């Protein structure tokens, strides 16, 4: 479930999640410290936020978690488990304080249970925290999109899903900014970064919520389009291409036009992922050869009518020529 968050939230949301977890944990440390001090000093605590039956909703961590769980992208086993552990921990703390308020004798068994639940709770929360921190390194700092390493996780997940679910689809598309080097040479690398940010933002805002787009390297981007056949993928990518071509980047009073070329194919459940990427790459460079600012697709159903073709070396010259023959340009 945690890995699936990569598909749905961006770098800023990951950083916010990490910061919120740290702050919430800090508040919870203070809550547990007060209970431990009360037990050690035999000093009762009668505040409702400690002794009420729903005390877990009073603390800042509880409020933060309840708010988080209203967002469907955080509804899953890991966060539900934290919610359950958090309630159990508060119930143990409440029981300790109620026993303390009734009797000065130390309840060793309840306190041992409290410490065990405390450890389980923190381990579960730290798992989320560690994941959010690690995931910050899976985003590209310039574009704020996933980087090449993290999108491979998405590709592997989609390939596995298609292998498990008969009739499921997934398409991929490689995009490359046209004549990007000219932006750097003419206006400098700062403008080049602005162009990258502009393209990335437009790409990210144009796709569906459950699609993914990553910076694949340099000025190249990769789209992952789950549950989409090749015909619908062409329509979706063409929409992205046309919106980009209609947009401009403003720089010192000038409007700079930006276009990109696109290569589309299906993610094949029977082939190596790099084989599918190779087909998209060949289609992309066919789009470049045809004049740029174009969309070219390779339908793997036609390409691999003879299933033995799937085993051909994806880097082989023979296969590259074969793929090129099956490239189809989208005309507008």
C-alpha atoms as a PDB file:
ATOM      1  CA  UNK A   1       0.000   0.000   0.000  1.00  0.00           C
ATOM      2  CA  UNK A   2       2.791   2.444   0.855  1.00  0.00           C
ATOM      3  CA  UNK A   3       4.390   1.943  -2.550  1.00  0.00           C
ATOM      4  CA  UNK A   4       1.073   2.835  -4.188  1.00  0.00           C
ATOM      5  CA  UNK A   5       1.271   6.274  -2.581  1.00  0.00           C
ATOM      6  CA  UNK A   6       4.019   7.028  -5.097  1.00  0.00           C
ATOM      7  CA  UNK A   7       1.391   6.790  -7.797  1.00  0.00           C
ATOM      8  CA  UNK A   8      -0.955   9.237  -6.138  1.00  0.00           C
ATOM      9  CA  UNK A   9       0.845  11.980  -4.233  1.00  0.00           C
ATOM     10  CA  UNK A  10       3.636  14.297  -5.274  1.00  0.00           C
ATOM     11  CA  UNK A  11       6.858  15.369  -3.597  1.00  0.00           C
ATOM     12  CA  UNK A  12       5.332  18.308  -1.719  1.00  0.00           C
ATOM     13  CA  UNK A  13       2.625  16.046  -0.291  1.00  0.00           C
ATOM     14  CA  UNK A  14       5.274  13.530   0.800  1.00  0.00           C
ATOM     15  CA  UNK A  15       7.287  16.272   2.523  1.00  0.00           C
ATOM     16  CA  UNK A  16       4.149  17.574   4.234  1.00  0.00           C
ATOM     17  CA  UNK A  17       3.286  14.050   5.393  1.00  0.00           C
ATOM     18  CA  UNK A  18       6.781  13.630   6.845  1.00  0.00           C
ATOM     19  CA  UNK A  19       6.626  16.972   8.690  1.00  0.00           C
ATOM     20  CA  UNK A  20       3.142  16.252  10.064  1.00  0.00           C
ATOM     21  CA  UNK A  21       4.214  12.831  11.354  1.00  0.00           C
ATOM     22  CA  UNK A  22       7.234  14.341  13.118  1.00  0.00           C
ATOM     23  CA  UNK A  23       5.113  17.027  14.778  1.00  0.00           C
ATOM     24  CA  UNK A  24       2.379  14.580  15.788  1.00  0.00           C
ATOM     25  CA  UNK A  25       4.928  12.163  17.268  1.00  0.00           C
ATOM     26  CA  UNK A  26       6.519  14.969  19.253  1.00  0.00           C
ATOM     27  CA  UNK A  27       3.153  15.809  20.815  1.00  0.00           C
ATOM     28  CA  UNK A  28       2.559  12.139  21.614  1.00  0.00           C
ATOM     29  CA  UNK A  29       5.943  11.836  23.320  1.00  0.00           C
ATOM     30  CA  UNK A  30       4.835  14.595  25.712  1.00  0.00           C
ATOM     31  CA  UNK A  31       1.552  12.770  26.414  1.00  0.00           C
ATOM     32  CA  UNK A  32       3.362   9.528  27.272  1.00  0.00           C
ATOM     33  CA  UNK A  33       5.965  11.395  29.327  1.00  0.00           C
ATOM     34  CA  UNK A  34       3.207  12.902  31.485  1.00  0.00           C
ATOM     35  CA  UNK A  35       1.682   9.474  32.112  1.00  0.00           C
ATOM     36  CA  UNK A  36       5.054   7.946  32.993  1.00  0.00           C
ATOM     37  CA  UNK A  37       5.810  10.841  35.386  1.00  0.00           C
ATOM     38  CA  UNK A  38       2.373  10.454  36.984  1.00  0.00           C
ATOM     39  CA  UNK A  39       3.009   6.725  37.534  1.00  0.00           C
ATOM     40  CA  UNK A  40       6.512   7.338  38.907  1.00  0.00           C
ATOM     41  CA  UNK A  41       5.442  10.131  41.281  1.00  0.00           C
ATOM     42  CA  UNK A  42       2.079   8.509  42.111  1.00  0.00           C
ATOM     43  CA  UNK A  43       0.377  11.769  41.117  1.00  0.00           C
ATOM     44  CA  UNK A  44      -3.126  11.315  39.637  1.00  0.00           C
ATOM     45  CA  UNK A  45      -4.137  13.015  36.364  1.00  0.00           C
ATOM     46  CA  UNK A  46      -7.819  13.789  36.029  1.00  0.00           C
ATOM     47  CA  UNK A  47      -7.861  15.820  32.810  1.00  0.00           C
ATOM     48  CA  UNK A  48     -10.563  14.572  30.397  1.00  0.00           C
ATOM     49  CA  UNK A  49      -8.016  14.495  27.556  1.00  0.00           C
ATOM     50  CA  UNK A  50      -6.272  11.700  29.486  1.00  0.00           C
ATOM     51  CA  UNK A  51      -9.150   9.878  31.201  1.00  0.00           C
ATOM     52  CA  UNK A  52     -12.170  10.078  28.861  1.00  0.00           C
ATOM     53  CA  UNK A  53     -13.126   6.960  26.909  1.00  0.00           C
ATOM     54  CA  UNK A  54     -12.477   8.712  23.588  1.00  0.00           C
ATOM     55  CA  UNK A  55      -9.310  10.404  24.809  1.00  0.00           C
ATOM     56  CA  UNK A  56      -7.466   9.266  21.669  1.00  0.00           C
ATOM     57  CA  UNK A  57      -9.457  11.880  19.730  1.00  0.00           C
ATOM     58  CA  UNK A  58      -8.325  14.694  22.036  1.00  0.00           C
ATOM     59  CA  UNK A  59      -4.593  14.501  21.397  1.00  0.00           C
ATOM     60  CA  UNK A  60      -3.041  16.257  18.392  1.00  0.00           C
ATOM     61  CA  UNK A  61      -1.884  12.991  16.890  1.00  0.00           C
ATOM     62  CA  UNK A  62      -5.423  11.615  17.044  1.00  0.00           C
ATOM     63  CA  UNK A  63      -6.855  14.763  15.444  1.00  0.00           C
ATOM     64  CA  UNK A  64      -4.193  14.663  12.716  1.00  0.00           C
ATOM     65  CA  UNK A  65      -4.776  10.967  12.022  1.00  0.00           C
ATOM     66  CA  UNK A  66      -8.566  11.317  11.872  1.00  0.00           C
ATOM     67  CA  UNK A  67      -8.210  14.180   9.413  1.00  0.00           C
ATOM     68  CA  UNK A  68      -5.713  12.172   7.345  1.00  0.00           C
ATOM     69  CA  UNK A  69      -8.045   9.172   7.165  1.00  0.00           C
ATOM     70  CA  UNK A  70     -10.776  11.283   5.540  1.00  0.00           C
ATOM     71  CA  UNK A  71      -8.557  11.351   2.430  1.00  0.00           C
ATOM     72  CA  UNK A  72      -9.170   8.138   0.467  1.00  0.00           C
ATOM     73  CA  UNK A  73      -5.537   7.928  -0.677  1.00  0.00           C
ATOM     74  CA  UNK A  74      -4.507   7.296   2.952  1.00  0.00           C
ATOM     75  CA  UNK A  75      -7.193   4.697   3.603  1.00  0.00           C
ATOM     76  CA  UNK A  76      -5.384   1.379   3.784  1.00  0.00           C
ATOM     77  CA  UNK A  77      -4.028  -1.321   6.067  1.00  0.00           C
ATOM     78  CA  UNK A  78      -0.985   0.625   7.330  1.00  0.00           C
ATOM     79  CA  UNK A  79      -2.888   3.728   8.433  1.00  0.00           C
ATOM     80  CA  UNK A  80      -5.823   1.701   9.779  1.00  0.00           C
ATOM     81  CA  UNK A  81      -3.351  -0.325  11.867  1.00  0.00           C
ATOM     82  CA  UNK A  82      -1.853   2.883  13.287  1.00  0.00           C
ATOM     83  CA  UNK A  83      -5.344   4.118  14.144  1.00  0.00           C
ATOM     84  CA  UNK A  84      -6.077   0.874  16.016  1.00  0.00           C
ATOM     85  CA  UNK A  85      -2.731   0.881  17.855  1.00  0.00           C
ATOM     86  CA  UNK A  86      -3.241   4.526  18.798  1.00  0.00           C
ATOM     87  CA  UNK A  87      -6.628   3.774  20.355  1.00  0.00           C
ATOM     88  CA  UNK A  88      -5.234   0.773  22.256  1.00  0.00           C
ATOM     89  CA  UNK A  89      -2.357   2.861  23.584  1.00  0.00           C
ATOM     90  CA  UNK A  90      -4.722   5.547  24.861  1.00  0.00           C
ATOM     91  CA  UNK A  91      -6.961   2.919  26.452  1.00  0.00           C
ATOM     92  CA  UNK A  92      -3.958   1.438  28.286  1.00  0.00           C
ATOM     93  CA  UNK A  93      -2.881   4.891  29.440  1.00  0.00           C
ATOM     94  CA  UNK A  94      -6.424   5.676  30.561  1.00  0.00           C
ATOM     95  CA  UNK A  95      -6.606   2.398  32.503  1.00  0.00           C
ATOM     96  CA  UNK A  96      -3.297   3.147  34.225  1.00  0.00           C
ATOM     97  CA  UNK A  97      -4.476   6.598  35.293  1.00  0.00           C
ATOM     98  CA  UNK A  98      -7.875   5.361  36.471  1.00  0.00           C
ATOM     99  CA  UNK A  99      -6.147   2.664  38.539  1.00  0.00           C
ATOM    100  CA  UNK A 100      -3.757   5.284  39.916  1.00  0.00           C
ATOM    101  CA  UNK A 101      -6.640   7.578  40.791  1.00  0.00           C
ATOM    102  CA  UNK A 102      -8.391   4.749  42.650  1.00  0.00           C
ATOM    103  CA  UNK A 103      -5.384   3.115  44.325  1.00  0.00           C
ATOM    104  CA  UNK A 104      -1.797   4.166  45.025  1.00  0.00           C
ATOM    105  CA  UNK A 105      -0.548   0.637  44.286  1.00  0.00           C
ATOM    106  CA  UNK A 106       1.508   0.157  41.110  1.00  0.00           C
ATOM    107  CA  UNK A 107      -0.270  -1.873  38.392  1.00  0.00           C
ATOM    108  CA  UNK A 108       2.744  -3.645  36.912  1.00  0.00           C
ATOM    109  CA  UNK A 109       0.852  -5.749  34.355  1.00  0.00           C
ATOM    110  CA  UNK A 110      -1.074  -2.809  32.879  1.00  0.00           C
ATOM    111  CA  UNK A 111       2.081  -0.699  32.769  1.00  0.00           C
ATOM    112  CA  UNK A 112       4.000  -3.486  30.945  1.00  0.00           C
ATOM    113  CA  UNK A 113       1.131  -3.712  28.448  1.00  0.00           C
ATOM    114  CA  UNK A 114       1.233   0.074  28.031  1.00  0.00           C
ATOM    115  CA  UNK A 115       4.971  -0.047  27.199  1.00  0.00           C
ATOM    116  CA  UNK A 116       4.455  -2.876  24.687  1.00  0.00           C
ATOM    117  CA  UNK A 117       1.693  -0.982  22.907  1.00  0.00           C
ATOM    118  CA  UNK A 118       3.782   2.157  22.980  1.00  0.00           C
ATOM    119  CA  UNK A 119       6.612   0.333  21.196  1.00  0.00           C
ATOM    120  CA  UNK A 120       4.263  -1.212  18.599  1.00  0.00           C
ATOM    121  CA  UNK A 121       2.631   2.153  17.952  1.00  0.00           C
ATOM    122  CA  UNK A 122       5.899   3.974  17.429  1.00  0.00           C
ATOM    123  CA  UNK A 123       7.302   1.229  15.200  1.00  0.00           C
ATOM    124  CA  UNK A 124       4.234   1.453  12.959  1.00  0.00           C
ATOM    125  CA  UNK A 125       4.408   5.242  12.747  1.00  0.00           C
ATOM    126  CA  UNK A 126       8.165   5.233  12.146  1.00  0.00           C
ATOM    127  CA  UNK A 127       7.631   2.841   9.236  1.00  0.00           C
ATOM    128  CA  UNK A 128       5.460   5.496   7.578  1.00  0.00           C
ATOM    129  CA  UNK A 129       7.938   8.228   8.504  1.00  0.00           C
ATOM    130  CA  UNK A 130      10.904   6.318   7.093  1.00  0.00           C
ATOM    131  CA  UNK A 131       8.980   5.617   3.898  1.00  0.00           C
ATOM    132  CA  UNK A 132       8.080   9.283   3.445  1.00  0.00           C
ATOM    133  CA  UNK A 133      11.698  10.367   4.007  1.00  0.00           C
ATOM    134  CA  UNK A 134      13.077   7.755   1.614  1.00  0.00           C
ATOM    135  CA  UNK A 135      10.433   8.676  -0.944  1.00  0.00           C
ATOM    136  CA  UNK A 136      11.638  12.277  -0.970  1.00  0.00           C
ATOM    137  CA  UNK A 137      14.708  10.911  -2.780  1.00  0.00           C
ATOM    138  CA  UNK A 138      12.516   9.304  -5.418  1.00  0.00           C
ATOM    139  CA  UNK A 139      11.473  12.644  -6.881  1.00  0.00           C
ATOM    140  CA  UNK A 140      13.309  14.896  -9.305  1.00  0.00           C
ATOM    141  CA  UNK A 141      14.213  18.181  -7.600  1.00  0.00           C
ATOM    142  CA  UNK A 142      13.745  20.377 -10.675  1.00  0.00           C
ATOM    143  CA  UNK A 143      10.404  19.117 -11.944  1.00  0.00           C
ATOM    144  CA  UNK A 144       9.008  17.676  -8.655  1.00  0.00           C
ATOM    145  CA  UNK A 145       7.996  14.573 -10.628  1.00  0.00           C
ATOM    146  CA  UNK A 146       8.996  10.991  -9.849  1.00  0.00           C
ATOM    147  CA  UNK A 147      12.464  10.124 -11.079  1.00  0.00           C
ATOM    148  CA  UNK A 148      13.543   7.212 -13.258  1.00  0.00           C
ATOM    149  CA  UNK A 149      14.142   4.861 -10.325  1.00  0.00           C
ATOM    150  CA  UNK A 150      10.738   5.351  -8.739  1.00  0.00           C
ATOM    151  CA  UNK A 151       8.766   5.061 -11.986  1.00  0.00           C
ATOM    152  CA  UNK A 152      10.305   1.624 -12.532  1.00  0.00           C
ATOM    153  CA  UNK A 153       8.462   0.599  -9.357  1.00  0.00           C
ATOM    154  CA  UNK A 154       5.218   1.738 -10.968  1.00  0.00           C
ATOM    155  CA  UNK A 155       6.022  -0.144 -14.171  1.00  0.00           C
ATOM    156  CA  UNK A 156       6.760  -3.331 -12.240  1.00  0.00           C
ATOM    157  CA  UNK A 157       3.511  -2.969 -10.292  1.00  0.00           C
ATOM    158  CA  UNK A 158       1.457  -2.488 -13.471  1.00  0.00           C
ATOM    159  CA  UNK A 159       3.130  -5.416 -15.209  1.00  0.00           C
ATOM    160  CA  UNK A 160       2.397  -7.650 -12.219  1.00  0.00           C
ATOM    161  CA  UNK A 161      -1.211  -6.427 -12.148  1.00  0.00           C
ATOM    162  CA  UNK A 162      -1.693  -7.310 -15.814  1.00  0.00           C
ATOM    163  CA  UNK A 163      -0.194 -10.751 -15.252  1.00  0.00           C
ATOM    164  CA  UNK A 164      -2.698 -11.353 -12.428  1.00  0.00           C
ATOM    165  CA  UNK A 165      -5.760  -9.823 -14.083  1.00  0.00           C
ATOM    166  CA  UNK A 166      -6.737 -11.126 -17.481  1.00  0.00           C
ATOM    167  CA  UNK A 167      -7.873  -8.452 -19.916  1.00  0.00           C
ATOM    168  CA  UNK A 168      -6.257  -5.528 -18.049  1.00  0.00           C
ATOM    169  CA  UNK A 169      -4.351  -2.872 -19.974  1.00  0.00           C
ATOM    170  CA  UNK A 170      -1.601  -0.353 -19.428  1.00  0.00           C
ATOM    171  CA  UNK A 171       0.061   1.951 -21.931  1.00  0.00           C
ATOM    172  CA  UNK A 172       3.272   3.927 -21.654  1.00  0.00           C
ATOM    173  CA  UNK A 173       4.449   7.002 -23.523  1.00  0.00           C
ATOM    174  CA  UNK A 174       7.874   8.574 -23.776  1.00  0.00           C
ATOM    175  CA  UNK A 175       8.027  12.312 -24.397  1.00  0.00           C
ATOM    176  CA  UNK A 176      11.037  14.417 -25.326  1.00  0.00           C
ATOM    177  CA  UNK A 177      11.096  18.231 -25.415  1.00  0.00           C
ATOM    178  CA  UNK A 178      11.873  19.376 -28.937  1.00  0.00           C
ATOM    179  CA  UNK A 179      15.127  21.283 -29.450  1.00  0.00           C
ATOM    180  CA  UNK A 180      15.652  21.616 -25.713  1.00  0.00           C
ATOM    181  CA  UNK A 181      19.384  22.235 -26.146  1.00  0.00           C
ATOM    182  CA  UNK A 182      18.533  25.473 -27.976  1.00  0.00           C
ATOM    183  CA  UNK A 183      16.865  26.860 -24.833  1.00  0.00           C
ATOM    184  CA  UNK A 184      20.011  26.231 -22.803  1.00  0.00           C
ATOM    185  CA  UNK A 185      22.356  27.535 -25.504  1.00  0.00           C
ATOM    186  CA  UNK A 186      20.374  30.696 -26.272  1.00  0.00           C
ATOM    187  CA  UNK A 187      18.937  31.665 -22.884  1.00  0.00           C
ATOM    188  CA  UNK A 188      21.006  29.751 -20.323  1.00  0.00           C
ATOM    189  CA  UNK A 189      20.406  26.775 -18.069  1.00  0.00           C
ATOM    190  CA  UNK A 190      18.158  28.756 -15.721  1.00  0.00           C
ATOM    191  CA  UNK A 191      15.663  29.172 -18.546  1.00  0.00           C
ATOM    192  CA  UNK A 192      16.155  25.522 -19.427  1.00  0.00           C
ATOM    193  CA  UNK A 193      15.067  24.637 -15.884  1.00  0.00           C
ATOM    194  CA  UNK A 194      12.044  26.942 -16.210  1.00  0.00           C
ATOM    195  CA  UNK A 195      11.068  25.121 -19.412  1.00  0.00           C
ATOM    196  CA  UNK A 196      11.422  21.761 -17.652  1.00  0.00           C
ATOM    197  CA  UNK A 197       9.258  22.955 -14.762  1.00  0.00           C
ATOM    198  CA  UNK A 198       6.653  24.320 -17.182  1.00  0.00           C
ATOM    199  CA  UNK A 199       6.470  21.086 -19.171  1.00  0.00           C
ATOM    200  CA  UNK A 200       6.383  18.927 -16.036  1.00  0.00           C
ATOM    201  CA  UNK A 201       3.588  20.979 -14.490  1.00  0.00           C
ATOM    202  CA  UNK A 202       1.511  20.868 -17.654  1.00  0.00           C
ATOM    203  CA  UNK A 203       2.039  17.121 -18.031  1.00  0.00           C
ATOM    204  CA  UNK A 204       1.121  16.449 -14.413  1.00  0.00           C
ATOM    205  CA  UNK A 205      -1.999  18.628 -14.543  1.00  0.00           C
ATOM    206  CA  UNK A 206      -3.256  17.124 -17.801  1.00  0.00           C
ATOM    207  CA  UNK A 207      -3.212  13.411 -16.920  1.00  0.00           C
ATOM    208  CA  UNK A 208      -5.749  11.543 -14.793  1.00  0.00           C
ATOM    209  CA  UNK A 209      -5.261  11.298 -11.040  1.00  0.00           C
ATOM    210  CA  UNK A 210      -4.248   7.636 -11.219  1.00  0.00           C
ATOM    211  CA  UNK A 211      -1.882   8.083 -14.179  1.00  0.00           C
ATOM    212  CA  UNK A 212       1.800   8.737 -13.532  1.00  0.00           C
ATOM    213  CA  UNK A 213       4.406  10.894 -15.213  1.00  0.00           C
ATOM    214  CA  UNK A 214       8.091  10.918 -14.339  1.00  0.00           C
ATOM    215  CA  UNK A 215      11.212  12.688 -15.445  1.00  0.00           C
ATOM    216  CA  UNK A 216      12.970   9.838 -17.195  1.00  0.00           C
ATOM    217  CA  UNK A 217      16.238  11.636 -17.869  1.00  0.00           C
ATOM    218  CA  UNK A 218      17.395  14.963 -19.265  1.00  0.00           C
ATOM    219  CA  UNK A 219      14.464  16.447 -21.179  1.00  0.00           C
ATOM    220  CA  UNK A 220      12.682  13.092 -21.456  1.00  0.00           C
ATOM    221  CA  UNK A 221       9.507  12.118 -19.584  1.00  0.00           C
ATOM    222  CA  UNK A 222       7.643   8.828 -19.164  1.00  0.00           C
ATOM    223  CA  UNK A 223       3.861   8.472 -18.813  1.00  0.00           C
ATOM    224  CA  UNK A 224       2.285   5.353 -17.278  1.00  0.00           C
ATOM    225  CA  UNK A 225      -1.402   5.067 -18.200  1.00  0.00           C
ATOM    226  CA  UNK A 226      -3.146   2.182 -16.365  1.00  0.00           C
ATOM    227  CA  UNK A 227      -6.402   0.682 -17.663  1.00  0.00           C
ATOM    228  CA  UNK A 228      -6.010   2.410 -21.005  1.00  0.00           C
ATOM    229  CA  UNK A 229      -5.843   0.692 -24.396  1.00  0.00           C
ATOM    230  CA  UNK A 230      -3.689   1.982 -27.223  1.00  0.00           C
ATOM    231  CA  UNK A 231      -6.497   3.895 -28.950  1.00  0.00           C
ATOM    232  CA  UNK A 232      -7.438   5.793 -25.791  1.00  0.00           C
ATOM    233  CA  UNK A 233      -3.761   6.353 -24.963  1.00  0.00           C
ATOM    234  CA  UNK A 234      -3.243   8.037 -28.346  1.00  0.00           C
ATOM    235  CA  UNK A 235      -6.194  10.355 -27.678  1.00  0.00           C
ATOM    236  CA  UNK A 236      -4.929  11.185 -24.177  1.00  0.00           C
ATOM    237  CA  UNK A 237      -1.343  11.825 -25.254  1.00  0.00           C
ATOM    238  CA  UNK A 238      -2.449  13.897 -28.236  1.00  0.00           C
ATOM    239  CA  UNK A 239      -4.423  16.081 -25.844  1.00  0.00           C
ATOM    240  CA  UNK A 240      -1.259  16.594 -23.787  1.00  0.00           C
ATOM    241  CA  UNK A 241       0.831  17.337 -26.885  1.00  0.00           C
ATOM    242  CA  UNK A 242      -1.634  19.911 -28.219  1.00  0.00           C
ATOM    243  CA  UNK A 243      -1.969  21.659 -24.857  1.00  0.00           C
ATOM    244  CA  UNK A 244       1.796  21.922 -24.582  1.00  0.00           C
ATOM    245  CA  UNK A 245       2.101  23.285 -28.131  1.00  0.00           C
ATOM    246  CA  UNK A 246      -0.531  25.923 -27.313  1.00  0.00           C
ATOM    247  CA  UNK A 247       1.255  27.025 -24.145  1.00  0.00           C
ATOM    248  CA  UNK A 248       4.151  29.473 -23.798  1.00  0.00           C
ATOM    249  CA  UNK A 249       6.955  30.152 -21.355  1.00  0.00           C
ATOM    250  CA  UNK A 250       7.407  33.842 -20.560  1.00  0.00           C
ATOM    251  CA  UNK A 251      10.970  35.118 -20.262  1.00  0.00           C
ATOM    252  CA  UNK A 252      11.969  38.797 -20.129  1.00  0.00           C
ATOM    253  CA  UNK A 253       8.896  39.907 -22.008  1.00  0.00           C
ATOM    254  CA  UNK A 254       9.190  37.171 -24.619  1.00  0.00           C
ATOM    255  CA  UNK A 255       6.860  34.231 -25.111  1.00  0.00           C
ATOM    256  CA  UNK A 256       8.825  31.054 -25.799  1.00  0.00           C
ATOM    257  CA  UNK A 257       7.046  28.221 -27.551  1.00  0.00           C
ATOM    258  CA  UNK A 258       7.634  24.693 -26.301  1.00  0.00           C
ATOM    259  CA  UNK A 259       6.706  21.453 -28.044  1.00  0.00           C
ATOM    260  CA  UNK A 260       7.476  17.791 -27.478  1.00  0.00           C
ATOM    261  CA  UNK A 261       7.469  14.552 -29.435  1.00  0.00           C
ATOM    262  CA  UNK A 262       5.753  11.420 -28.103  1.00  0.00           C
ATOM    263  CA  UNK A 263       6.104   7.663 -28.580  1.00  0.00           C
ATOM    264  CA  UNK A 264       3.349   5.368 -27.297  1.00  0.00           C
ATOM    265  CA  UNK A 265       3.030   1.612 -26.859  1.00  0.00           C
ATOM    266  CA  UNK A 266       1.489  -0.934 -24.496  1.00  0.00           C
ATOM    267  CA  UNK A 267       3.292  -2.221 -21.427  1.00  0.00           C
ATOM    268  CA  UNK A 268       3.612  -5.903 -22.306  1.00  0.00           C
ATOM    269  CA  UNK A 269       2.950  -8.435 -19.497  1.00  0.00           C
ATOM    270  CA  UNK A 270       4.983 -11.087 -21.351  1.00  0.00           C
ATOM    271  CA  UNK A 271       8.100  -9.015 -22.113  1.00  0.00           C
ATOM    272  CA  UNK A 272      10.879  -7.445 -20.139  1.00  0.00           C
ATOM    273  CA  UNK A 273       9.964  -3.887 -19.101  1.00  0.00           C
ATOM    274  CA  UNK A 274      12.946  -2.585 -21.066  1.00  0.00           C
ATOM    275  CA  UNK A 275      11.486  -4.243 -24.151  1.00  0.00           C
ATOM    276  CA  UNK A 276       8.314  -2.185 -23.805  1.00  0.00           C
ATOM    277  CA  UNK A 277      10.367   0.955 -23.168  1.00  0.00           C
ATOM    278  CA  UNK A 278      12.397   0.184 -26.290  1.00  0.00           C
ATOM    279  CA  UNK A 279       9.235   0.192 -28.406  1.00  0.00           C
ATOM    280  CA  UNK A 280       8.177   3.544 -26.946  1.00  0.00           C
ATOM    281  CA  UNK A 281      11.688   4.892 -27.555  1.00  0.00           C
ATOM    282  CA  UNK A 282      11.703   3.807 -31.205  1.00  0.00           C
ATOM    283  CA  UNK A 283       8.263   5.414 -31.677  1.00  0.00           C
ATOM    284  CA  UNK A 284       9.510   8.620 -30.023  1.00  0.00           C
ATOM    285  CA  UNK A 285      12.498   8.949 -32.325  1.00  0.00           C
ATOM    286  CA  UNK A 286      10.302   8.167 -35.302  1.00  0.00           C
ATOM    287  CA  UNK A 287       8.233  11.200 -34.228  1.00  0.00           C
ATOM    288  CA  UNK A 288      11.452  13.236 -34.140  1.00  0.00           C
ATOM    289  CA  UNK A 289      12.434  12.021 -37.625  1.00  0.00           C
ATOM    290  CA  UNK A 290       9.023  13.006 -38.970  1.00  0.00           C
ATOM    291  CA  UNK A 291       9.507  16.636 -37.956  1.00  0.00           C
ATOM    292  CA  UNK A 292       8.959  16.779 -34.147  1.00  0.00           C
ATOM    293  CA  UNK A 293       5.845  17.867 -32.245  1.00  0.00           C
ATOM    294  CA  UNK A 294       4.171  14.637 -33.290  1.00  0.00           C
ATOM    295  CA  UNK A 295       2.734  11.507 -31.685  1.00  0.00           C
ATOM    296  CA  UNK A 296       3.734   8.080 -32.982  1.00  0.00           C
ATOM    297  CA  UNK A 297       2.472   4.788 -31.593  1.00  0.00           C
ATOM    298  CA  UNK A 298       3.445   1.128 -31.857  1.00  0.00           C
ATOM    299  CA  UNK A 299       0.568  -1.293 -31.296  1.00  0.00           C
ATOM    300  CA  UNK A 300       2.164  -4.357 -29.726  1.00  0.00           C
ATOM    301  CA  UNK A 301      -0.850  -6.499 -30.669  1.00  0.00           C
ATOM    302  CA  UNK A 302       0.113  -6.066 -34.315  1.00  0.00           C
ATOM    303  CA  UNK A 303       3.826  -6.151 -33.609  1.00  0.00           C
ATOM    304  CA  UNK A 304       3.702  -9.422 -31.719  1.00  0.00           C
ATOM    305  CA  UNK A 305       1.081 -11.437 -33.536  1.00  0.00           C
ATOM    306  CA  UNK A 306       3.851 -13.995 -33.561  1.00  0.00           C
ATOM    307  CA  UNK A 307       4.433 -14.246 -29.798  1.00  0.00           C
ATOM    308  CA  UNK A 308       7.980 -15.523 -30.358  1.00  0.00           C
ATOM    309  CA  UNK A 309       8.918 -11.980 -31.329  1.00  0.00           C
ATOM    310  CA  UNK A 310       8.665 -11.062 -27.625  1.00  0.00           C
ATOM    311  CA  UNK A 311      11.848 -12.970 -26.924  1.00  0.00           C
ATOM    312  CA  UNK A 312      13.903 -10.994 -29.446  1.00  0.00           C
ATOM    313  CA  UNK A 313      16.738  -8.991 -27.913  1.00  0.00           C
ATOM    314  CA  UNK A 314      15.174  -5.542 -27.189  1.00  0.00           C
ATOM    315  CA  UNK A 315      18.485  -3.879 -28.077  1.00  0.00           C
ATOM    316  CA  UNK A 316      18.917  -5.784 -31.332  1.00  0.00           C
ATOM    317  CA  UNK A 317      19.102  -3.875 -34.602  1.00  0.00           C
ATOM    318  CA  UNK A 318      16.736  -6.334 -36.251  1.00  0.00           C
ATOM    319  CA  UNK A 319      13.996  -5.692 -33.696  1.00  0.00           C
ATOM    320  CA  UNK A 320      14.484  -1.914 -33.897  1.00  0.00           C
ATOM    321  CA  UNK A 321      13.933  -1.996 -37.657  1.00  0.00           C
ATOM    322  CA  UNK A 322      10.909  -4.261 -37.156  1.00  0.00           C
ATOM    323  CA  UNK A 323       9.407  -1.843 -34.625  1.00  0.00           C
ATOM    324  CA  UNK A 324      10.003   1.144 -36.914  1.00  0.00           C
ATOM    325  CA  UNK A 325       8.035  -0.607 -39.646  1.00  0.00           C
ATOM    326  CA  UNK A 326       5.063  -0.832 -37.276  1.00  0.00           C
ATOM    327  CA  UNK A 327       5.112   2.843 -36.222  1.00  0.00           C
ATOM    328  CA  UNK A 328       1.894   4.756 -36.864  1.00  0.00           C
ATOM    329  CA  UNK A 329       1.795   8.548 -36.836  1.00  0.00           C
ATOM    330  CA  UNK A 330      -1.228  10.373 -35.454  1.00  0.00           C
ATOM    331  CA  UNK A 331      -2.314  13.007 -37.941  1.00  0.00           C
ATOM    332  CA  UNK A 332      -4.133  16.234 -36.955  1.00  0.00           C
END
